[in-house]
Amino acid sequence: MFNRLQGQPESYERKAKYRFGRTLGAGTYGIVREAESPNGKVAIKIILKKNVKGNEGMVLDELDMLQRLKHPHIVKFVDWFESRDKYYIVTELATGGELFDRICEKGKFTEKDASQTIKQILGAVDYLHGKNVVHRDLKPENLLYQTKDPHSDLVLADFGIAKMLDTKDEVLTTMAGSFGYAAPEVMLKKGHGKPVDMWSMGVITYTLLCGYSPFRSENLQDLIDECSNANVVFHERYWRDVSNDAKDFILHLLRPDPEDRWTSSQALKHSWLSGENATEHNLLPEIKAYMAKARLRRGIELVKLTNRIEALKIQEDDPENPDFPEDPSTAATEAQSAHYPQAEQSTGGKGRLSRAVKGAIFREVVLAKVREMKEKEQTEKVKEEVEREAKRKSFNS
């Protein structure tokens, strides 16, 4: 009754069960925060209603889908509620760290270990596809260990752009996925479905086995061309100790035509996933080299994350019940340290960026400025030409 008098929806009273803590991440529509619940720690996604106005179905679809999914390798739904200006989606909190970070803490990680890791993820994807759900954003950052226990399970997280198909043959047309992991049909804006997840699985497997991506172009058009040709190269230096079984598995997933790409159920039957033909070759040096490059990118991500949180804070409409952090910079640093427990080593201590990371950010900012100046120059040139042409026509008439 009190909530209704305040103009809050009935479900808002459930918010009192949670004690909100640090920020875990931020996107276009809202942020994710850690919280204490009566049953332990949870993750709460907070979505600004104004940011999904006219597209509220997207939130309702995610809620409906999460409540239907029950699998040991998929993050569990806990609760939901809403306020005047926000939706709240509560899921279990995976506290064991991201896939690649966790691997770096091990003394050894073999091809056989990799095959069993991929088998866990693929089991979750096969379950989703059996329920007519396409995840659409499979990447290492969304593969989390449930706990810090050495034998913890991996769970698949972040269903923000996942879609439940109305029919098994339904075709999706909206852009989805992350740069480097999205299938060619997504980037070409063709209709897509379950096969996009299998392409992402191919990219993840390749990267896990050698420490770099099969497709390395840095601009969209070049990446589209590279993925459409799908000329997958297994460089001798990095792949000589990896089994032919592993390469065969990857090649069945990285096929440009989604019709030719293996389904999840076909992939699960591949002999590589049994581990019998996988080698004992230690992949850890390659993965650590991959993570060293990733840490430079995280410095740039930190700046972008700070800006996103700041923009969301400005959009918050209910000052009496704030959910967005007062200090975006501190919140962004907390979010990175939550995702990457080793981040303090690469940032030189809490909240301080190393010289290498600062250099990477500086280069990114300079390049952005150069691009902006070039675009401005181009616009001015076009403007001048239009004005000259208008004067010439005026003079002739």
Protein backbone atom coordinates (compact mmCIF):
# COMPACT_ATOMS: atom_id res chain seq x y z
CA MET A 1 0.00 0.00 0.00
CA PHE A 2 2.82 2.43 0.96
CA ASN A 3 4.56 1.83 -2.38
CA ARG A 4 1.33 2.51 -4.27
CA LEU A 5 0.92 5.80 -2.38
CA GLN A 6 4.47 6.70 -3.49
CA GLY A 7 3.50 5.92 -7.07
CA GLN A 8 5.65 2.80 -7.13
CA PRO A 9 4.47 -0.51 -8.69
CA GLU A 10 3.50 -3.32 -6.33
CA SER A 11 6.58 -5.43 -7.11
CA TYR A 12 8.87 -2.56 -5.95
CA GLU A 13 8.58 -3.75 -2.34
CA ARG A 14 10.85 -6.69 -3.26
CA LYS A 15 13.73 -4.24 -3.71
CA ALA A 16 14.01 -4.01 0.10
CA LYS A 17 15.33 -7.60 0.16
CA TYR A 18 18.55 -6.53 -1.57
CA ARG A 19 21.48 -4.48 -0.34
CA PHE A 20 23.13 -2.96 -3.41
CA GLY A 21 26.92 -3.01 -3.76
CA ARG A 22 29.53 -2.29 -6.43
CA THR A 23 28.90 -1.80 -10.15
CA LEU A 24 29.69 -4.83 -12.30
CA GLY A 25 29.14 -3.32 -15.74
CA ALA A 26 27.16 -0.89 -17.90
CA GLY A 27 25.53 -0.99 -21.31
CA THR A 28 23.27 1.11 -23.53
CA TYR A 29 20.13 0.61 -21.44
CA GLY A 30 21.41 0.39 -17.86
CA ILE A 31 23.93 -1.02 -15.41
CA VAL A 32 24.57 -4.25 -13.52
CA ARG A 33 25.24 -4.14 -9.78
CA GLU A 34 26.26 -6.71 -7.22
CA ALA A 35 23.85 -7.09 -4.29
CA GLU A 36 23.41 -9.06 -1.08
CA SER A 37 20.22 -11.09 -0.91
CA PRO A 38 18.81 -13.32 1.87
CA ASN A 39 20.34 -16.28 -0.01
CA GLY A 40 23.74 -14.79 -0.84
CA LYS A 41 25.22 -12.54 -3.52
CA VAL A 42 23.36 -11.82 -6.75
CA ALA A 43 23.74 -9.67 -9.87
CA ILE A 44 21.00 -7.09 -10.56
CA LYS A 45 20.57 -5.62 -14.03
CA ILE A 46 18.96 -2.16 -13.74
CA ILE A 47 17.33 -0.92 -16.96
CA LEU A 48 16.08 2.65 -17.40
CA LYS A 49 12.50 2.51 -18.73
CA LYS A 50 13.00 5.66 -20.82
CA ASN A 51 15.84 3.90 -22.70
CA VAL A 52 13.56 1.06 -23.84
CA LYS A 53 10.41 3.15 -24.39
CA GLY A 54 8.44 1.64 -27.27
CA ASN A 55 10.58 -1.49 -27.01
CA GLU A 56 9.49 -2.76 -23.60
CA GLY A 57 8.90 -6.16 -25.17
CA MET A 58 12.67 -6.63 -25.25
CA VAL A 59 12.80 -6.60 -21.41
CA LEU A 60 9.72 -8.80 -21.05
CA ASP A 61 11.18 -11.29 -23.57
CA GLU A 62 14.43 -11.48 -21.60
CA LEU A 63 12.51 -12.04 -18.37
CA ASP A 64 10.33 -14.72 -19.90
CA MET A 65 13.33 -16.47 -21.42
CA LEU A 66 15.48 -16.41 -18.26
CA GLN A 67 12.65 -17.93 -16.22
CA ARG A 68 12.36 -20.83 -18.68
CA LEU A 69 16.08 -21.67 -18.75
CA LYS A 70 17.31 -24.21 -16.23
CA HIS A 71 20.70 -25.73 -17.00
CA PRO A 72 23.89 -26.24 -14.91
CA HIS A 73 25.96 -24.20 -17.39
CA ILE A 74 23.54 -21.25 -17.74
CA VAL A 75 23.32 -18.42 -15.21
CA LYS A 76 20.17 -18.82 -13.08
CA PHE A 77 17.24 -16.40 -12.86
CA VAL A 78 16.40 -15.33 -9.27
CA ASP A 79 13.82 -12.51 -9.25
CA TRP A 80 12.52 -9.37 -10.94
CA PHE A 81 10.74 -6.16 -9.90
CA GLU A 82 10.19 -2.63 -11.19
CA SER A 83 10.05 0.96 -9.99
CA ARG A 84 8.50 4.07 -11.56
CA ASP A 85 11.50 4.53 -13.86
CA LYS A 86 13.41 1.22 -13.90
CA TYR A 87 13.22 -2.54 -14.43
CA TYR A 88 15.33 -4.84 -12.22
CA ILE A 89 16.38 -8.36 -13.30
CA VAL A 90 18.07 -10.47 -10.60
CA THR A 91 20.28 -13.45 -11.51
CA GLU A 92 22.82 -15.57 -9.67
CA LEU A 93 26.25 -13.96 -9.38
CA ALA A 94 29.09 -15.96 -10.93
CA THR A 95 32.08 -15.10 -8.73
CA GLY A 96 34.80 -17.31 -10.22
CA GLY A 97 36.05 -14.91 -12.92
CA GLU A 98 36.08 -14.96 -16.72
CA LEU A 99 37.28 -17.97 -18.70
CA PHE A 100 40.65 -16.66 -19.93
CA ASP A 101 41.53 -14.91 -16.66
CA ARG A 102 40.88 -18.07 -14.70
CA ILE A 103 42.98 -20.16 -17.09
CA CYS A 104 45.92 -17.76 -16.54
CA GLU A 105 45.84 -18.58 -12.81
CA LYS A 106 46.45 -22.27 -13.56
CA GLY A 107 49.90 -23.84 -13.71
CA LYS A 108 48.95 -25.72 -16.88
CA PHE A 109 46.10 -25.78 -19.38
CA THR A 110 46.27 -28.47 -22.06
CA GLU A 111 44.43 -29.11 -25.30
CA LYS A 112 42.53 -31.86 -23.46
CA ASP A 113 41.43 -29.28 -20.84
CA ALA A 114 40.33 -26.97 -23.69
CA SER A 115 38.22 -29.73 -25.28
CA GLN A 116 36.35 -30.31 -22.00
CA THR A 117 35.87 -26.55 -21.48
CA ILE A 118 34.35 -26.21 -24.96
CA LYS A 119 32.18 -29.28 -24.29
CA GLN A 120 30.64 -27.55 -21.24
CA ILE A 121 29.86 -24.38 -23.21
CA LEU A 122 28.54 -26.32 -26.19
CA GLY A 123 26.25 -28.32 -23.88
CA ALA A 124 24.67 -25.04 -22.75
CA VAL A 125 24.35 -23.81 -26.37
CA ASP A 126 22.74 -27.11 -27.41
CA TYR A 127 20.23 -26.74 -24.55
CA LEU A 128 19.41 -23.18 -25.69
CA HIS A 129 18.97 -24.24 -29.32
CA GLY A 130 16.71 -27.11 -28.18
CA LYS A 131 14.53 -24.42 -26.56
CA ASN A 132 14.66 -22.32 -29.78
CA VAL A 133 16.83 -19.67 -28.08
CA VAL A 134 19.73 -17.96 -29.90
CA HIS A 135 22.25 -16.31 -27.54
CA ARG A 136 23.77 -14.04 -30.27
CA ASP A 137 26.64 -12.75 -28.11
CA LEU A 138 28.87 -15.71 -27.32
CA LYS A 139 32.38 -14.50 -26.43
CA PRO A 140 34.96 -15.24 -23.67
CA GLU A 141 33.73 -12.31 -21.53
CA ASN A 142 30.32 -14.00 -21.22
CA LEU A 143 31.78 -17.31 -20.06
CA LEU A 144 32.16 -17.18 -16.28
CA TYR A 145 33.14 -19.63 -13.58
CA GLN A 146 30.38 -20.06 -11.03
CA THR A 147 32.71 -19.98 -7.99
CA LYS A 148 36.40 -19.70 -7.18
CA ASP A 149 36.52 -23.45 -6.48
CA PRO A 150 39.15 -25.12 -8.74
CA HIS A 151 36.51 -27.58 -10.00
CA SER A 152 33.79 -24.97 -10.52
CA ASP A 153 31.47 -25.20 -13.53
CA LEU A 154 31.46 -22.62 -16.31
CA VAL A 155 28.21 -20.71 -16.83
CA LEU A 156 26.97 -18.81 -19.84
CA ALA A 157 25.85 -15.26 -18.96
CA ASP A 158 24.39 -12.06 -20.49
CA PHE A 159 21.16 -12.81 -22.33
CA GLY A 160 20.51 -9.12 -23.11
CA ILE A 161 20.32 -9.63 -26.89
CA ALA A 162 19.32 -13.32 -26.91
CA LYS A 163 16.13 -14.16 -28.80
CA MET A 164 13.54 -16.87 -28.39
CA LEU A 165 12.39 -17.91 -31.86
CA ASP A 166 8.65 -18.32 -32.44
CA THR A 167 9.39 -21.19 -34.83
CA LYS A 168 12.57 -23.22 -35.30
CA ASP A 169 13.01 -21.71 -38.80
CA GLU A 170 12.38 -18.08 -37.79
CA VAL A 171 14.91 -15.62 -39.19
CA LEU A 172 16.27 -12.67 -37.16
CA THR A 173 17.34 -9.48 -38.92
CA THR A 174 18.61 -7.07 -36.23
CA MET A 175 22.36 -6.52 -35.77
CA ALA A 176 23.74 -8.52 -32.86
CA GLY A 177 26.98 -9.89 -31.45
CA SER A 178 30.41 -8.50 -30.69
CA PHE A 179 33.14 -7.40 -33.10
CA GLY A 180 35.32 -10.41 -33.94
CA TYR A 181 32.76 -13.00 -32.82
CA ALA A 182 29.74 -12.14 -35.00
CA ALA A 183 28.98 -14.43 -37.94
CA PRO A 184 29.27 -13.07 -41.52
CA GLU A 185 25.49 -13.22 -42.09
CA VAL A 186 24.99 -10.90 -39.09
CA MET A 187 27.54 -8.35 -40.34
CA LEU A 188 26.04 -8.52 -43.85
CA LYS A 189 22.61 -7.83 -42.25
CA LYS A 190 21.15 -10.99 -43.74
CA GLY A 191 18.60 -13.05 -41.86
CA HIS A 192 20.21 -15.18 -39.15
CA GLY A 193 19.38 -17.80 -36.52
CA LYS A 194 21.00 -20.53 -34.43
CA PRO A 195 24.05 -20.95 -36.73
CA VAL A 196 25.44 -17.57 -35.52
CA ASP A 197 26.16 -19.14 -32.13
CA MET A 198 28.07 -21.97 -33.79
CA TRP A 199 30.28 -19.49 -35.66
CA SER A 200 31.08 -17.77 -32.34
CA MET A 201 31.91 -21.17 -30.83
CA GLY A 202 34.40 -21.70 -33.67
CA VAL A 203 36.11 -18.35 -32.99
CA ILE A 204 36.25 -19.04 -29.22
CA THR A 205 37.72 -22.54 -29.76
CA TYR A 206 40.36 -21.27 -32.22
CA THR A 207 41.38 -18.44 -29.84
CA LEU A 208 41.50 -20.79 -26.84
CA LEU A 209 43.90 -23.14 -28.65
CA CYS A 210 46.41 -20.59 -29.97
CA GLY A 211 45.96 -17.26 -28.17
CA TYR A 212 44.80 -15.15 -31.15
CA SER A 213 41.66 -14.78 -33.28
CA PRO A 214 41.24 -16.49 -36.67
CA PHE A 215 40.03 -13.16 -38.12
CA ARG A 216 42.11 -10.14 -37.20
CA SER A 217 40.92 -7.21 -39.36
CA GLU A 218 40.34 -4.02 -37.39
CA ASN A 219 37.67 -2.37 -39.53
CA LEU A 220 34.21 -3.75 -40.27
CA GLN A 221 34.43 -4.05 -44.08
CA ASP A 222 37.77 -5.89 -43.98
CA LEU A 223 36.44 -8.18 -41.23
CA ILE A 224 33.31 -8.95 -43.31
CA ASP A 225 35.51 -9.85 -46.30
CA GLU A 226 37.79 -12.01 -44.14
CA CYS A 227 34.90 -13.88 -42.49
CA SER A 228 32.98 -14.30 -45.76
CA ASN A 229 36.02 -15.98 -47.33
CA ALA A 230 36.67 -17.92 -44.09
CA ASN A 231 40.22 -18.76 -45.06
CA VAL A 232 41.13 -20.25 -41.66
CA VAL A 233 44.91 -20.62 -41.30
CA PHE A 234 46.57 -22.83 -38.68
CA HIS A 235 50.03 -21.27 -38.46
CA GLU A 236 52.69 -23.94 -37.99
CA ARG A 237 54.45 -22.11 -35.16
CA TYR A 238 51.36 -22.11 -32.90
CA TRP A 239 49.43 -25.13 -34.17
CA ARG A 240 52.07 -27.84 -34.75
CA ASP A 241 51.36 -29.45 -31.34
CA VAL A 242 47.55 -29.20 -31.61
CA SER A 243 45.68 -32.28 -32.84
CA ASN A 244 44.13 -32.57 -36.30
CA ASP A 245 40.88 -33.43 -34.51
CA ALA A 246 40.77 -29.93 -32.98
CA LYS A 247 41.38 -28.28 -36.37
CA ASP A 248 38.66 -30.41 -37.97
CA PHE A 249 36.21 -29.40 -35.23
CA ILE A 250 36.94 -25.69 -35.84
CA LEU A 251 36.63 -25.98 -39.64
CA HIS A 252 33.14 -27.46 -39.31
CA LEU A 253 32.06 -24.37 -37.31
CA LEU A 254 33.79 -21.58 -39.26
CA ARG A 255 31.88 -22.05 -42.51
CA PRO A 256 30.63 -18.82 -44.15
CA ASP A 257 27.36 -20.39 -45.31
CA PRO A 258 25.15 -21.00 -42.23
CA GLU A 259 23.52 -23.93 -44.07
CA ASP A 260 26.90 -25.72 -44.19
CA ARG A 261 27.82 -24.93 -40.58
CA TRP A 262 27.47 -27.73 -38.06
CA THR A 263 24.59 -27.57 -35.57
CA SER A 264 25.20 -27.85 -31.82
CA SER A 265 24.02 -31.48 -31.76
CA GLN A 266 26.35 -32.40 -34.64
CA ALA A 267 29.29 -30.64 -32.97
CA LEU A 268 28.67 -32.43 -29.65
CA LYS A 269 29.22 -35.77 -31.42
CA HIS A 270 32.70 -34.77 -32.67
CA SER A 271 35.48 -37.04 -31.39
CA TRP A 272 37.61 -34.08 -30.20
CA LEU A 273 35.16 -33.41 -27.37
CA SER A 274 35.77 -36.88 -25.93
CA GLY A 275 39.31 -35.70 -25.12
CA GLU A 276 40.76 -38.99 -26.35
CA ASN A 277 42.62 -37.53 -29.33
CA ALA A 278 43.43 -34.17 -27.71
CA THR A 279 47.12 -33.65 -26.89
CA GLU A 280 48.73 -32.78 -23.56
CA HIS A 281 50.29 -29.71 -25.19
CA ASN A 282 50.28 -26.81 -22.68
CA LEU A 283 48.38 -23.82 -24.12
CA LEU A 284 49.10 -21.49 -21.20
CA PRO A 285 51.96 -19.43 -22.79
CA GLU A 286 49.76 -18.53 -25.81
CA ILE A 287 46.75 -17.68 -23.62
CA LYS A 288 48.89 -15.46 -21.35
CA ALA A 289 50.19 -13.61 -24.43
CA TYR A 290 46.56 -13.10 -25.55
CA MET A 291 45.63 -11.74 -22.11
CA ALA A 292 48.59 -9.31 -22.09
CA LYS A 293 47.18 -7.70 -25.27
CA ALA A 294 43.66 -7.80 -23.80
CA ARG A 295 44.80 -5.77 -20.77
CA LEU A 296 45.79 -2.86 -23.03
CA ARG A 297 42.28 -2.94 -24.53
CA ARG A 298 40.83 -2.87 -21.01
CA GLY A 299 42.42 0.52 -20.38
CA ILE A 300 40.45 1.88 -23.34
CA GLU A 301 37.31 0.03 -22.16
CA LEU A 302 37.67 1.70 -18.76
CA VAL A 303 37.34 5.16 -20.34
CA LYS A 304 34.31 4.06 -22.41
CA LEU A 305 32.69 2.40 -19.38
CA THR A 306 33.13 5.57 -17.28
CA ASN A 307 31.43 7.61 -20.02
CA ARG A 308 28.51 5.13 -20.27
CA ILE A 309 27.89 5.18 -16.50
CA GLU A 310 28.07 8.99 -16.48
CA ALA A 311 25.51 9.22 -19.33
CA LEU A 312 23.14 6.81 -17.56
CA LYS A 313 23.44 8.71 -14.27
CA ILE A 314 22.36 11.92 -16.03
CA GLN A 315 19.28 10.12 -17.43
CA GLU A 316 18.07 8.84 -14.04
CA ASP A 317 14.66 10.37 -13.27
CA ASP A 318 14.07 9.44 -9.63
CA PRO A 319 16.53 11.33 -7.39
CA GLU A 320 14.81 10.01 -4.24
CA ASN A 321 15.63 6.40 -5.19
CA PRO A 322 18.97 6.55 -7.04
CA ASP A 323 20.54 3.33 -8.35
CA PHE A 324 23.35 4.75 -10.46
CA PRO A 325 26.71 5.48 -8.76
CA GLU A 326 27.66 9.05 -7.84
CA ASP A 327 31.25 8.62 -9.05
CA PRO A 328 31.30 7.01 -12.54
CA SER A 329 35.11 6.76 -12.60
CA THR A 330 35.29 4.75 -9.34
CA ALA A 331 32.32 2.62 -10.43
CA ALA A 332 34.02 1.79 -13.76
CA THR A 333 37.25 0.80 -11.95
CA GLU A 334 35.23 -1.41 -9.57
CA ALA A 335 33.46 -3.03 -12.52
CA GLN A 336 36.74 -3.90 -14.18
CA SER A 337 38.27 -5.31 -11.00
CA ALA A 338 35.08 -7.40 -10.48
CA HIS A 339 35.42 -8.91 -13.96
CA TYR A 340 39.19 -9.16 -13.97
CA PRO A 341 40.61 -10.06 -10.54
CA GLN A 342 44.14 -9.61 -11.91
CA ALA A 343 43.39 -6.06 -13.10
CA GLU A 344 45.23 -4.42 -10.19
CA GLN A 345 48.48 -5.96 -11.45
CA SER A 346 48.00 -4.43 -14.89
CA THR A 347 46.76 -1.07 -13.62
CA GLY A 348 49.51 -0.64 -11.04
CA GLY A 349 47.17 -0.69 -8.03
CA LYS A 350 43.52 0.20 -7.48
CA GLY A 351 42.33 3.00 -9.71
CA ARG A 352 45.81 3.71 -11.20
CA LEU A 353 46.62 2.88 -14.81
CA SER A 354 50.07 1.64 -15.83
CA ARG A 355 52.18 3.60 -18.33
CA ALA A 356 51.45 1.02 -21.06
CA VAL A 357 47.69 1.28 -20.53
CA LYS A 358 47.82 5.09 -20.40
CA GLY A 359 49.75 5.01 -23.67
CA ALA A 360 47.12 2.78 -25.28
CA ILE A 361 44.32 5.11 -24.16
CA PHE A 362 46.24 8.17 -25.37
CA ARG A 363 46.76 6.60 -28.82
CA GLU A 364 43.04 5.72 -29.03
CA VAL A 365 42.02 9.27 -28.10
CA VAL A 366 44.48 10.79 -30.61
CA LEU A 367 43.27 8.48 -33.41
CA ALA A 368 39.66 9.36 -32.62
CA LYS A 369 40.55 13.07 -32.79
CA VAL A 370 42.36 12.60 -36.11
CA ARG A 371 39.34 10.75 -37.53
CA GLU A 372 37.06 13.53 -36.30
CA MET A 373 39.25 16.22 -37.91
CA LYS A 374 39.39 14.33 -41.22
CA GLU A 375 35.60 13.96 -41.26
CA LYS A 376 35.22 17.68 -40.48
CA GLU A 377 37.67 18.54 -43.27
CA GLN A 378 35.72 16.33 -45.70
CA THR A 379 32.41 17.95 -44.70
CA GLU A 380 33.87 21.45 -45.20
CA LYS A 381 35.15 20.49 -48.67
CA VAL A 382 31.76 19.16 -49.72
CA LYS A 383 30.09 22.31 -48.32
CA GLU A 384 32.46 24.58 -50.29
CA GLU A 385 31.88 22.62 -53.49
CA VAL A 386 28.10 22.84 -53.05
CA GLU A 387 28.34 26.62 -52.45
CA ARG A 388 30.60 27.08 -55.52
CA GLU A 389 28.20 25.05 -57.65
CA ALA A 390 25.23 27.10 -56.39
CA LYS A 391 27.07 30.38 -57.22
CA ARG A 392 28.02 29.12 -60.69
CA LYS A 393 24.40 28.15 -61.45
CA SER A 394 23.18 31.49 -60.12
CA PHE A 395 25.71 33.38 -62.30
CA ASN A 396 24.81 31.38 -65.44
CA SER A 397 21.09 31.96 -64.97
